[in-house]
Amino acid sequence: MRYLSVSIVEFLDDYQPGIVACEFKDAGGEVHRIEDKVPIFTLEMLNRDSKYPGPGTAACELLSISTDKDGRNLVEITFERPDGLEATSGQVTFVVLESQLNTSCGEN
């Protein structure tokens, strides 16, 4: 299992345990947004009064590894497994920089 570093940017809803919005950039620089329950992204107890943005991680599955023409290590990931996440656009598969991935939750 891998974890993508994300930025928790907004508290959306008090529904227990709280819903937050997270953002990350793909390898091309495009910003993507994911929304789900607080514990999906962090062990911190977040609420409306918490300081944003803050660090978080999103569990993902590694699909492939490659190197681009600039020598950057790229990874194709999916959020479908393990947590069934998707971006607000509906996209579930992304190409990100390998340096954006961690092997443990909360390691930013």
PDB file of N, CA and C in Angstrom:
ATOM      1  N   MET A   1       0.848  -1.176   0.000  1.00  0.00           N
ATOM      2  CA  MET A   1       0.000   0.000   0.000  1.00  0.00           C
ATOM      3  C   MET A   1       0.888   1.232   0.000  1.00  0.00           C
ATOM      4  N   ARG A   2       0.447   2.234  -0.731  1.00  0.00           N
ATOM      5  CA  ARG A   2       1.141   3.516  -0.782  1.00  0.00           C
ATOM      6  C   ARG A   2       0.169   4.607  -0.323  1.00  0.00           C
ATOM      7  N   TYR A   3       0.735   5.726   0.049  1.00  0.00           N
ATOM      8  CA  TYR A   3      -0.057   6.877   0.491  1.00  0.00           C
ATOM      9  C   TYR A   3       0.431   8.110  -0.244  1.00  0.00           C
ATOM     10  N   LEU A   4      -0.480   8.807  -0.891  1.00  0.00           N
ATOM     11  CA  LEU A   4      -0.162  10.046  -1.597  1.00  0.00           C
ATOM     12  C   LEU A   4      -0.266  11.207  -0.619  1.00  0.00           C
ATOM     13  N   SER A   5       0.753  12.055  -0.595  1.00  0.00           N
ATOM     14  CA  SER A   5       0.696  13.265   0.225  1.00  0.00           C
ATOM     15  C   SER A   5      -0.327  14.222  -0.367  1.00  0.00           C
ATOM     16  N   VAL A   6      -1.229  14.700   0.475  1.00  0.00           N
ATOM     17  CA  VAL A   6      -2.259  15.651   0.057  1.00  0.00           C
ATOM     18  C   VAL A   6      -2.272  16.821   1.029  1.00  0.00           C
ATOM     19  N   SER A   7      -2.899  17.877   0.623  1.00  0.00           N
ATOM     20  CA  SER A   7      -3.094  19.041   1.478  1.00  0.00           C
ATOM     21  C   SER A   7      -4.576  19.109   1.839  1.00  0.00           C
ATOM     22  N   ILE A   8      -4.872  19.052   3.137  1.00  0.00           N
ATOM     23  CA  ILE A   8      -6.261  19.172   3.589  1.00  0.00           C
ATOM     24  C   ILE A   8      -6.578  20.661   3.597  1.00  0.00           C
ATOM     25  N   VAL A   9      -7.461  21.090   2.708  1.00  0.00           N
ATOM     26  CA  VAL A   9      -7.652  22.521   2.463  1.00  0.00           C
ATOM     27  C   VAL A   9      -8.919  23.118   3.058  1.00  0.00           C
ATOM     28  N   GLU A  10      -9.903  22.256   3.406  1.00  0.00           N
ATOM     29  CA  GLU A  10     -11.180  22.821   3.836  1.00  0.00           C
ATOM     30  C   GLU A  10     -11.983  21.801   4.627  1.00  0.00           C
ATOM     31  N   PHE A  11     -12.674  22.266   5.663  1.00  0.00           N
ATOM     32  CA  PHE A  11     -13.621  21.444   6.401  1.00  0.00           C
ATOM     33  C   PHE A  11     -14.982  21.677   5.777  1.00  0.00           C
ATOM     34  N   LEU A  12     -15.654  20.619   5.347  1.00  0.00           N
ATOM     35  CA  LEU A  12     -16.886  20.766   4.586  1.00  0.00           C
ATOM     36  C   LEU A  12     -18.164  20.525   5.380  1.00  0.00           C
ATOM     37  N   ASP A  13     -18.135  19.552   6.312  1.00  0.00           N
ATOM     38  CA  ASP A  13     -19.372  19.151   6.968  1.00  0.00           C
ATOM     39  C   ASP A  13     -19.071  18.543   8.325  1.00  0.00           C
ATOM     40  N   ASP A  14     -19.938  18.828   9.301  1.00  0.00           N
ATOM     41  CA  ASP A  14     -19.787  18.303  10.653  1.00  0.00           C
ATOM     42  C   ASP A  14     -20.258  16.868  10.797  1.00  0.00           C
ATOM     43  N   TYR A  15     -20.812  16.296   9.748  1.00  0.00           N
ATOM     44  CA  TYR A  15     -21.251  14.905   9.805  1.00  0.00           C
ATOM     45  C   TYR A  15     -20.131  14.078  10.426  1.00  0.00           C
ATOM     46  N   GLN A  16     -20.459  13.269  11.428  1.00  0.00           N
ATOM     47  CA  GLN A  16     -19.423  12.514  12.148  1.00  0.00           C
ATOM     48  C   GLN A  16     -18.787  11.473  11.243  1.00  0.00           C
ATOM     49  N   PRO A  17     -17.488  11.451  11.132  1.00  0.00           N
ATOM     50  CA  PRO A  17     -16.477  12.160  11.910  1.00  0.00           C
ATOM     51  C   PRO A  17     -16.011  13.463  11.270  1.00  0.00           C
ATOM     52  N   GLY A  18     -16.765  14.043  10.391  1.00  0.00           N
ATOM     53  CA  GLY A  18     -16.380  15.268   9.691  1.00  0.00           C
ATOM     54  C   GLY A  18     -15.915  14.954   8.277  1.00  0.00           C
ATOM     55  N   ILE A  19     -16.254  15.844   7.363  1.00  0.00           N
ATOM     56  CA  ILE A  19     -15.883  15.696   5.952  1.00  0.00           C
ATOM     57  C   ILE A  19     -14.946  16.837   5.595  1.00  0.00           C
ATOM     58  N   VAL A  20     -13.831  16.500   4.921  1.00  0.00           N
ATOM     59  CA  VAL A  20     -12.856  17.508   4.507  1.00  0.00           C
ATOM     60  C   VAL A  20     -12.582  17.393   3.013  1.00  0.00           C
ATOM     61  N   ALA A  21     -12.012  18.455   2.470  1.00  0.00           N
ATOM     62  CA  ALA A  21     -11.556  18.476   1.084  1.00  0.00           C
ATOM     63  C   ALA A  21     -10.039  18.498   1.085  1.00  0.00           C
ATOM     64  N   CYS A  22      -9.459  17.689   0.203  1.00  0.00           N
ATOM     65  CA  CYS A  22      -8.006  17.622   0.048  1.00  0.00           C
ATOM     66  C   CYS A  22      -7.654  17.917  -1.401  1.00  0.00           C
ATOM     67  N   GLU A  23      -6.461  18.442  -1.591  1.00  0.00           N
ATOM     68  CA  GLU A  23      -5.975  18.709  -2.941  1.00  0.00           C
ATOM     69  C   GLU A  23      -4.566  18.169  -3.104  1.00  0.00           C
ATOM     70  N   PHE A  24      -4.243  17.828  -4.351  1.00  0.00           N
ATOM     71  CA  PHE A  24      -2.883  17.428  -4.714  1.00  0.00           C
ATOM     72  C   PHE A  24      -2.677  17.774  -6.177  1.00  0.00           C
ATOM     73  N   LYS A  25      -1.407  17.878  -6.579  1.00  0.00           N
ATOM     74  CA  LYS A  25      -1.064  18.122  -7.977  1.00  0.00           C
ATOM     75  C   LYS A  25      -0.569  16.832  -8.596  1.00  0.00           C
ATOM     76  N   ASP A  26      -0.975  16.596  -9.841  1.00  0.00           N
ATOM     77  CA  ASP A  26      -0.439  15.447 -10.562  1.00  0.00           C
ATOM     78  C   ASP A  26       0.908  15.830 -11.170  1.00  0.00           C
ATOM     79  N   ALA A  27       1.538  14.898 -11.870  1.00  0.00           N
ATOM     80  CA  ALA A  27       2.870  15.145 -12.431  1.00  0.00           C
ATOM     81  C   ALA A  27       2.870  16.271 -13.457  1.00  0.00           C
ATOM     82  N   GLY A  28       1.728  16.560 -14.049  1.00  0.00           N
ATOM     83  CA  GLY A  28       1.620  17.639 -15.023  1.00  0.00           C
ATOM     84  C   GLY A  28       1.295  18.989 -14.399  1.00  0.00           C
ATOM     85  N   GLY A  29       1.116  19.013 -13.078  1.00  0.00           N
ATOM     86  CA  GLY A  29       0.831  20.267 -12.381  1.00  0.00           C
ATOM     87  C   GLY A  29      -0.641  20.575 -12.199  1.00  0.00           C
ATOM     88  N   GLU A  30      -1.524  19.700 -12.669  1.00  0.00           N
ATOM     89  CA  GLU A  30      -2.960  19.931 -12.512  1.00  0.00           C
ATOM     90  C   GLU A  30      -3.393  19.605 -11.083  1.00  0.00           C
ATOM     91  N   VAL A  31      -4.199  20.489 -10.500  1.00  0.00           N
ATOM     92  CA  VAL A  31      -4.689  20.291  -9.140  1.00  0.00           C
ATOM     93  C   VAL A  31      -5.964  19.458  -9.168  1.00  0.00           C
ATOM     94  N   HIS A  32      -6.028  18.462  -8.278  1.00  0.00           N
ATOM     95  CA  HIS A  32      -7.200  17.597  -8.140  1.00  0.00           C
ATOM     96  C   HIS A  32      -7.715  17.696  -6.714  1.00  0.00           C
ATOM     97  N   ARG A  33      -9.019  17.514  -6.544  1.00  0.00           N
ATOM     98  CA  ARG A  33      -9.668  17.632  -5.242  1.00  0.00           C
ATOM     99  C   ARG A  33     -10.380  16.329  -4.894  1.00  0.00           C
ATOM    100  N   ILE A  34     -10.200  15.884  -3.642  1.00  0.00           N
ATOM    101  CA  ILE A  34     -10.852  14.686  -3.116  1.00  0.00           C
ATOM    102  C   ILE A  34     -11.569  15.090  -1.837  1.00  0.00           C
ATOM    103  N   GLU A  35     -12.786  14.593  -1.662  1.00  0.00           N
ATOM    104  CA  GLU A  35     -13.561  14.906  -0.458  1.00  0.00           C
ATOM    105  C   GLU A  35     -13.999  13.602   0.205  1.00  0.00           C
ATOM    106  N   ASP A  36     -13.761  13.501   1.521  1.00  0.00           N
ATOM    107  CA  ASP A  36     -14.198  12.318   2.259  1.00  0.00           C
ATOM    108  C   ASP A  36     -14.039  12.574   3.755  1.00  0.00           C
ATOM    109  N   LYS A  37     -14.272  11.537   4.543  1.00  0.00           N
ATOM    110  CA  LYS A  37     -14.210  11.634   6.000  1.00  0.00           C
ATOM    111  C   LYS A  37     -12.787  11.922   6.486  1.00  0.00           C
ATOM    112  N   VAL A  38     -12.686  12.694   7.557  1.00  0.00           N
ATOM    113  CA  VAL A  38     -11.393  13.087   8.131  1.00  0.00           C
ATOM    114  C   VAL A  38     -10.447  11.902   8.311  1.00  0.00           C
ATOM    115  N   PRO A  39     -10.874  10.766   8.924  1.00  0.00           N
ATOM    116  CA  PRO A  39      -9.929   9.668   9.182  1.00  0.00           C
ATOM    117  C   PRO A  39      -9.351   9.013   7.929  1.00  0.00           C
ATOM    118  N   ILE A  40      -9.933   9.259   6.784  1.00  0.00           N
ATOM    119  CA  ILE A  40      -9.380   8.738   5.535  1.00  0.00           C
ATOM    120  C   ILE A  40      -8.040   9.417   5.239  1.00  0.00           C
ATOM    121  N   PHE A  41      -7.874  10.675   5.685  1.00  0.00           N
ATOM    122  CA  PHE A  41      -6.707  11.477   5.333  1.00  0.00           C
ATOM    123  C   PHE A  41      -5.738  11.769   6.478  1.00  0.00           C
ATOM    124  N   THR A  42      -6.213  11.685   7.724  1.00  0.00           N
ATOM    125  CA  THR A  42      -5.349  12.043   8.849  1.00  0.00           C
ATOM    126  C   THR A  42      -5.861  11.422  10.143  1.00  0.00           C
ATOM    127  N   LEU A  43      -4.967  11.268  11.101  1.00  0.00           N
ATOM    128  CA  LEU A  43      -5.332  10.807  12.432  1.00  0.00           C
ATOM    129  C   LEU A  43      -5.702  11.979  13.337  1.00  0.00           C
ATOM    130  N   GLU A  44      -5.462  13.209  12.865  1.00  0.00           N
ATOM    131  CA  GLU A  44      -5.798  14.410  13.625  1.00  0.00           C
ATOM    132  C   GLU A  44      -7.314  14.536  13.772  1.00  0.00           C
ATOM    133  N   MET A  45      -7.744  15.110  14.873  1.00  0.00           N
ATOM    134  CA  MET A  45      -9.166  15.387  15.091  1.00  0.00           C
ATOM    135  C   MET A  45      -9.454  16.787  14.532  1.00  0.00           C
ATOM    136  N   LEU A  46      -9.935  16.861  13.314  1.00  0.00           N
ATOM    137  CA  LEU A  46     -10.164  18.143  12.655  1.00  0.00           C
ATOM    138  C   LEU A  46     -11.609  18.591  12.810  1.00  0.00           C
ATOM    139  N   ASN A  47     -11.802  19.918  12.798  1.00  0.00           N
ATOM    140  CA  ASN A  47     -13.136  20.514  12.811  1.00  0.00           C
ATOM    141  C   ASN A  47     -13.059  21.845  12.077  1.00  0.00           C
ATOM    142  N   ARG A  48     -14.138  22.583  12.092  1.00  0.00           N
ATOM    143  CA  ARG A  48     -14.176  23.872  11.381  1.00  0.00           C
ATOM    144  C   ARG A  48     -13.120  24.853  11.875  1.00  0.00           C
ATOM    145  N   ASP A  49     -12.753  24.749  13.164  1.00  0.00           N
ATOM    146  CA  ASP A  49     -11.809  25.685  13.750  1.00  0.00           C
ATOM    147  C   ASP A  49     -10.346  25.284  13.570  1.00  0.00           C
ATOM    148  N   SER A  50     -10.097  24.125  12.989  1.00  0.00           N
ATOM    149  CA  SER A  50      -8.724  23.684  12.755  1.00  0.00           C
ATOM    150  C   SER A  50      -8.057  24.588  11.727  1.00  0.00           C
ATOM    151  N   LYS A  51      -6.734  24.600  11.742  1.00  0.00           N
ATOM    152  CA  LYS A  51      -5.979  25.433  10.799  1.00  0.00           C
ATOM    153  C   LYS A  51      -5.853  24.716   9.449  1.00  0.00           C
ATOM    154  N   TYR A  52      -6.200  25.413   8.383  1.00  0.00           N
ATOM    155  CA  TYR A  52      -6.117  24.872   7.018  1.00  0.00           C
ATOM    156  C   TYR A  52      -5.286  25.812   6.157  1.00  0.00           C
ATOM    157  N   PRO A  53      -4.509  25.302   5.218  1.00  0.00           N
ATOM    158  CA  PRO A  53      -4.346  23.891   4.869  1.00  0.00           C
ATOM    159  C   PRO A  53      -3.457  23.164   5.873  1.00  0.00           C
ATOM    160  N   GLY A  54      -3.580  21.841   5.850  1.00  0.00           N
ATOM    161  CA  GLY A  54      -2.779  20.976   6.705  1.00  0.00           C
ATOM    162  C   GLY A  54      -2.401  19.712   5.959  1.00  0.00           C
ATOM    163  N   PRO A  55      -1.422  18.975   6.484  1.00  0.00           N
ATOM    164  CA  PRO A  55      -0.955  17.771   5.789  1.00  0.00           C
ATOM    165  C   PRO A  55      -1.901  16.589   5.969  1.00  0.00           C
ATOM    166  N   GLY A  56      -1.919  15.732   4.965  1.00  0.00           N
ATOM    167  CA  GLY A  56      -2.685  14.505   5.018  1.00  0.00           C
ATOM    168  C   GLY A  56      -2.136  13.512   4.012  1.00  0.00           C
ATOM    169  N   THR A  57      -2.695  12.326   4.018  1.00  0.00           N
ATOM    170  CA  THR A  57      -2.331  11.298   3.048  1.00  0.00           C
ATOM    171  C   THR A  57      -3.598  10.594   2.577  1.00  0.00           C
ATOM    172  N   ALA A  58      -3.548  10.075   1.354  1.00  0.00           N
ATOM    173  CA  ALA A  58      -4.658   9.306   0.793  1.00  0.00           C
ATOM    174  C   ALA A  58      -4.110   7.963   0.331  1.00  0.00           C
ATOM    175  N   ALA A  59      -4.683   6.878   0.836  1.00  0.00           N
ATOM    176  CA  ALA A  59      -4.244   5.541   0.450  1.00  0.00           C
ATOM    177  C   ALA A  59      -4.519   5.310  -1.034  1.00  0.00           C
ATOM    178  N   CYS A  60      -3.564   4.668  -1.697  1.00  0.00           N
ATOM    179  CA  CYS A  60      -3.717   4.401  -3.129  1.00  0.00           C
ATOM    180  C   CYS A  60      -2.993   3.113  -3.487  1.00  0.00           C
ATOM    181  N   GLU A  61      -3.280   2.629  -4.662  1.00  0.00           N
ATOM    182  CA  GLU A  61      -2.613   1.437  -5.181  1.00  0.00           C
ATOM    183  C   GLU A  61      -1.706   1.850  -6.335  1.00  0.00           C
ATOM    184  N   LEU A  62      -0.501   1.353  -6.329  1.00  0.00           N
ATOM    185  CA  LEU A  62       0.468   1.625  -7.379  1.00  0.00           C
ATOM    186  C   LEU A  62       0.157   0.745  -8.580  1.00  0.00           C
ATOM    187  N   LEU A  63       0.012   1.364  -9.757  1.00  0.00           N
ATOM    188  CA  LEU A  63      -0.296   0.609 -10.975  1.00  0.00           C
ATOM    189  C   LEU A  63       0.923   0.403 -11.863  1.00  0.00           C
ATOM    190  N   SER A  64       1.738   1.467 -11.998  1.00  0.00           N
ATOM    191  CA  SER A  64       2.930   1.359 -12.844  1.00  0.00           C
ATOM    192  C   SER A  64       3.930   2.457 -12.475  1.00  0.00           C
ATOM    193  N   ILE A  65       5.192   2.219 -12.886  1.00  0.00           N
ATOM    194  CA  ILE A  65       6.275   3.160 -12.641  1.00  0.00           C
ATOM    195  C   ILE A  65       6.952   3.442 -13.974  1.00  0.00           C
ATOM    196  N   SER A  66       7.311   4.699 -14.209  1.00  0.00           N
ATOM    197  CA  SER A  66       8.015   5.059 -15.437  1.00  0.00           C
ATOM    198  C   SER A  66       8.914   6.262 -15.174  1.00  0.00           C
ATOM    199  N   THR A  67       9.682   6.640 -16.167  1.00  0.00           N
ATOM    200  CA  THR A  67      10.539   7.819 -16.097  1.00  0.00           C
ATOM    201  C   THR A  67      10.208   8.694 -17.294  1.00  0.00           C
ATOM    202  N   ASP A  68      10.033  10.000 -17.059  1.00  0.00           N
ATOM    203  CA  ASP A  68       9.720  10.886 -18.180  1.00  0.00           C
ATOM    204  C   ASP A  68      11.001  11.382 -18.849  1.00  0.00           C
ATOM    205  N   LYS A  69      10.859  12.184 -19.894  1.00  0.00           N
ATOM    206  CA  LYS A  69      12.012  12.664 -20.671  1.00  0.00           C
ATOM    207  C   LYS A  69      12.945  13.541 -19.856  1.00  0.00           C
ATOM    208  N   ASP A  70      12.454  14.087 -18.740  1.00  0.00           N
ATOM    209  CA  ASP A  70      13.281  14.914 -17.862  1.00  0.00           C
ATOM    210  C   ASP A  70      13.934  14.094 -16.750  1.00  0.00           C
ATOM    211  N   GLY A  71      13.742  12.787 -16.776  1.00  0.00           N
ATOM    212  CA  GLY A  71      14.350  11.911 -15.783  1.00  0.00           C
ATOM    213  C   GLY A  71      13.580  11.821 -14.469  1.00  0.00           C
ATOM    214  N   ARG A  72      12.355  12.348 -14.446  1.00  0.00           N
ATOM    215  CA  ARG A  72      11.547  12.274 -13.224  1.00  0.00           C
ATOM    216  C   ARG A  72      10.903  10.889 -13.122  1.00  0.00           C
ATOM    217  N   ASN A  73      10.908  10.331 -11.929  1.00  0.00           N
ATOM    218  CA  ASN A  73      10.228   9.057 -11.689  1.00  0.00           C
ATOM    219  C   ASN A  73       8.742   9.331 -11.503  1.00  0.00           C
ATOM    220  N   LEU A  74       7.938   8.724 -12.360  1.00  0.00           N
ATOM    221  CA  LEU A  74       6.487   8.896 -12.343  1.00  0.00           C
ATOM    222  C   LEU A  74       5.825   7.592 -11.918  1.00  0.00           C
ATOM    223  N   VAL A  75       4.719   7.712 -11.210  1.00  0.00           N
ATOM    224  CA  VAL A  75       3.946   6.536 -10.832  1.00  0.00           C
ATOM    225  C   VAL A  75       2.489   6.766 -11.199  1.00  0.00           C
ATOM    226  N   GLU A  76       1.885   5.732 -11.740  1.00  0.00           N
ATOM    227  CA  GLU A  76       0.450   5.760 -11.988  1.00  0.00           C
ATOM    228  C   GLU A  76      -0.204   5.106 -10.782  1.00  0.00           C
ATOM    229  N   ILE A  77      -1.172   5.801 -10.191  1.00  0.00           N
ATOM    230  CA  ILE A  77      -1.854   5.304  -9.001  1.00  0.00           C
ATOM    231  C   ILE A  77      -3.356   5.303  -9.228  1.00  0.00           C
ATOM    232  N   THR A  78      -4.051   4.529  -8.397  1.00  0.00           N
ATOM    233  CA  THR A  78      -5.505   4.586  -8.390  1.00  0.00           C
ATOM    234  C   THR A  78      -5.985   4.707  -6.948  1.00  0.00           C
ATOM    235  N   PHE A  79      -7.067   5.446  -6.773  1.00  0.00           N
ATOM    236  CA  PHE A  79      -7.714   5.578  -5.468  1.00  0.00           C
ATOM    237  C   PHE A  79      -8.873   4.585  -5.324  1.00  0.00           C
ATOM    238  N   GLU A  80      -9.188   3.839  -6.397  1.00  0.00           N
ATOM    239  CA  GLU A  80     -10.288   2.859  -6.328  1.00  0.00           C
ATOM    240  C   GLU A  80     -10.058   1.855  -5.208  1.00  0.00           C
ATOM    241  N   ARG A  81      -8.819   1.480  -5.025  1.00  0.00           N
ATOM    242  CA  ARG A  81      -8.437   0.558  -3.965  1.00  0.00           C
ATOM    243  C   ARG A  81      -7.407   1.252  -3.104  1.00  0.00           C
ATOM    244  N   PRO A  82      -7.494   1.257  -1.818  1.00  0.00           N
ATOM    245  CA  PRO A  82      -8.360   0.433  -1.000  1.00  0.00           C
ATOM    246  C   PRO A  82      -9.642   1.118  -0.534  1.00  0.00           C
ATOM    247  N   ASP A  83      -9.740   2.444  -0.642  1.00  0.00           N
ATOM    248  CA  ASP A  83     -10.836   3.176  -0.003  1.00  0.00           C
ATOM    249  C   ASP A  83     -11.951   3.623  -0.933  1.00  0.00           C
ATOM    250  N   GLY A  84     -11.851   3.343  -2.222  1.00  0.00           N
ATOM    251  CA  GLY A  84     -12.905   3.731  -3.153  1.00  0.00           C
ATOM    252  C   GLY A  84     -13.034   5.234  -3.338  1.00  0.00           C
ATOM    253  N   LEU A  85     -11.915   5.946  -3.219  1.00  0.00           N
ATOM    254  CA  LEU A  85     -11.946   7.404  -3.391  1.00  0.00           C
ATOM    255  C   LEU A  85     -11.954   7.775  -4.863  1.00  0.00           C
ATOM    256  N   GLU A  86     -12.413   8.984  -5.133  1.00  0.00           N
ATOM    257  CA  GLU A  86     -12.308   9.558  -6.480  1.00  0.00           C
ATOM    258  C   GLU A  86     -12.237  11.064  -6.347  1.00  0.00           C
ATOM    259  N   ALA A  87     -11.648  11.688  -7.339  1.00  0.00           N
ATOM    260  CA  ALA A  87     -11.601  13.148  -7.371  1.00  0.00           C
ATOM    261  C   ALA A  87     -13.009  13.681  -7.620  1.00  0.00           C
ATOM    262  N   THR A  88     -13.230  14.932  -7.309  1.00  0.00           N
ATOM    263  CA  THR A  88     -14.549  15.523  -7.535  1.00  0.00           C
ATOM    264  C   THR A  88     -14.916  15.495  -9.012  1.00  0.00           C
ATOM    265  N   SER A  89     -13.929  15.341  -9.887  1.00  0.00           N
ATOM    266  CA  SER A  89     -14.170  15.207 -11.321  1.00  0.00           C
ATOM    267  C   SER A  89     -14.629  13.802 -11.701  1.00  0.00           C
ATOM    268  N   GLY A  90     -14.512  12.851 -10.764  1.00  0.00           N
ATOM    269  CA  GLY A  90     -14.843  11.456 -11.041  1.00  0.00           C
ATOM    270  C   GLY A  90     -13.632  10.619 -11.401  1.00  0.00           C
ATOM    271  N   GLN A  91     -12.507  11.249 -11.601  1.00  0.00           N
ATOM    272  CA  GLN A  91     -11.275  10.550 -11.969  1.00  0.00           C
ATOM    273  C   GLN A  91     -10.745   9.746 -10.777  1.00  0.00           C
ATOM    274  N   VAL A  92     -10.240   8.525 -11.036  1.00  0.00           N
ATOM    275  CA  VAL A  92      -9.698   7.683  -9.965  1.00  0.00           C
ATOM    276  C   VAL A  92      -8.243   7.294 -10.195  1.00  0.00           C
ATOM    277  N   THR A  93      -7.731   7.496 -11.406  1.00  0.00           N
ATOM    278  CA  THR A  93      -6.362   7.130 -11.752  1.00  0.00           C
ATOM    279  C   THR A  93      -5.586   8.388 -12.118  1.00  0.00           C
ATOM    280  N   PHE A  94      -4.354   8.478 -11.588  1.00  0.00           N
ATOM    281  CA  PHE A  94      -3.532   9.677 -11.772  1.00  0.00           C
ATOM    282  C   PHE A  94      -2.077   9.282 -11.961  1.00  0.00           C
ATOM    283  N   VAL A  95      -1.315  10.151 -12.621  1.00  0.00           N
ATOM    284  CA  VAL A  95       0.132  10.004 -12.692  1.00  0.00           C
ATOM    285  C   VAL A  95       0.724  11.117 -11.841  1.00  0.00           C
ATOM    286  N   VAL A  96       1.507  10.713 -10.832  1.00  0.00           N
ATOM    287  CA  VAL A  96       2.114  11.662  -9.898  1.00  0.00           C
ATOM    288  C   VAL A  96       3.611  11.394  -9.823  1.00  0.00           C
ATOM    289  N   LEU A  97       4.327  12.306  -9.193  1.00  0.00           N
ATOM    290  CA  LEU A  97       5.751  12.105  -8.972  1.00  0.00           C
ATOM    291  C   LEU A  97       5.951  11.068  -7.869  1.00  0.00           C
ATOM    292  N   GLU A  98       6.931  10.214  -8.049  1.00  0.00           N
ATOM    293  CA  GLU A  98       7.208   9.191  -7.052  1.00  0.00           C
ATOM    294  C   GLU A  98       7.483   9.817  -5.682  1.00  0.00           C
ATOM    295  N   SER A  99       8.076  10.994  -5.665  1.00  0.00           N
ATOM    296  CA  SER A  99       8.398  11.669  -4.405  1.00  0.00           C
ATOM    297  C   SER A  99       7.152  12.078  -3.615  1.00  0.00           C
ATOM    298  N   GLN A 100       5.975  12.052  -4.225  1.00  0.00           N
ATOM    299  CA  GLN A 100       4.729  12.385  -3.541  1.00  0.00           C
ATOM    300  C   GLN A 100       4.159  11.215  -2.753  1.00  0.00           C
ATOM    301  N   LEU A 101       4.753  10.028  -2.905  1.00  0.00           N
ATOM    302  CA  LEU A 101       4.242   8.823  -2.251  1.00  0.00           C
ATOM    303  C   LEU A 101       5.033   8.484  -1.009  1.00  0.00           C
ATOM    304  N   ASN A 102       4.333   7.935  -0.023  1.00  0.00           N
ATOM    305  CA  ASN A 102       4.911   7.427   1.216  1.00  0.00           C
ATOM    306  C   ASN A 102       4.488   5.985   1.359  1.00  0.00           C
ATOM    307  N   THR A 103       5.186   5.255   2.227  1.00  0.00           N
ATOM    308  CA  THR A 103       4.808   3.871   2.486  1.00  0.00           C
ATOM    309  C   THR A 103       4.026   3.710   3.772  1.00  0.00           C
ATOM    310  N   SER A 104       3.840   4.811   4.511  1.00  0.00           N
ATOM    311  CA  SER A 104       3.025   4.730   5.723  1.00  0.00           C
ATOM    312  C   SER A 104       2.113   5.941   5.826  1.00  0.00           C
ATOM    313  N   CYS A 105       0.977   5.733   6.430  1.00  0.00           N
ATOM    314  CA  CYS A 105      -0.031   6.773   6.601  1.00  0.00           C
ATOM    315  C   CYS A 105       0.522   7.885   7.490  1.00  0.00           C
ATOM    316  N   GLY A 106       0.292   9.129   7.097  1.00  0.00           N
ATOM    317  CA  GLY A 106       0.696  10.266   7.908  1.00  0.00           C
ATOM    318  C   GLY A 106       2.144  10.661   7.770  1.00  0.00           C
ATOM    319  N   GLU A 107       2.893  10.039   6.874  1.00  0.00           N
ATOM    320  CA  GLU A 107       4.308  10.361   6.679  1.00  0.00           C
ATOM    321  C   GLU A 107       4.413  11.406   5.579  1.00  0.00           C
ATOM    322  N   ASN A 108       4.429  12.678   5.954  1.00  0.00           N
ATOM    323  CA  ASN A 108       4.452  13.762   4.957  1.00  0.00           C
ATOM    324  C   ASN A 108       5.774  14.457   4.937  1.00  0.00           C
TER     325      ASN A 108
END
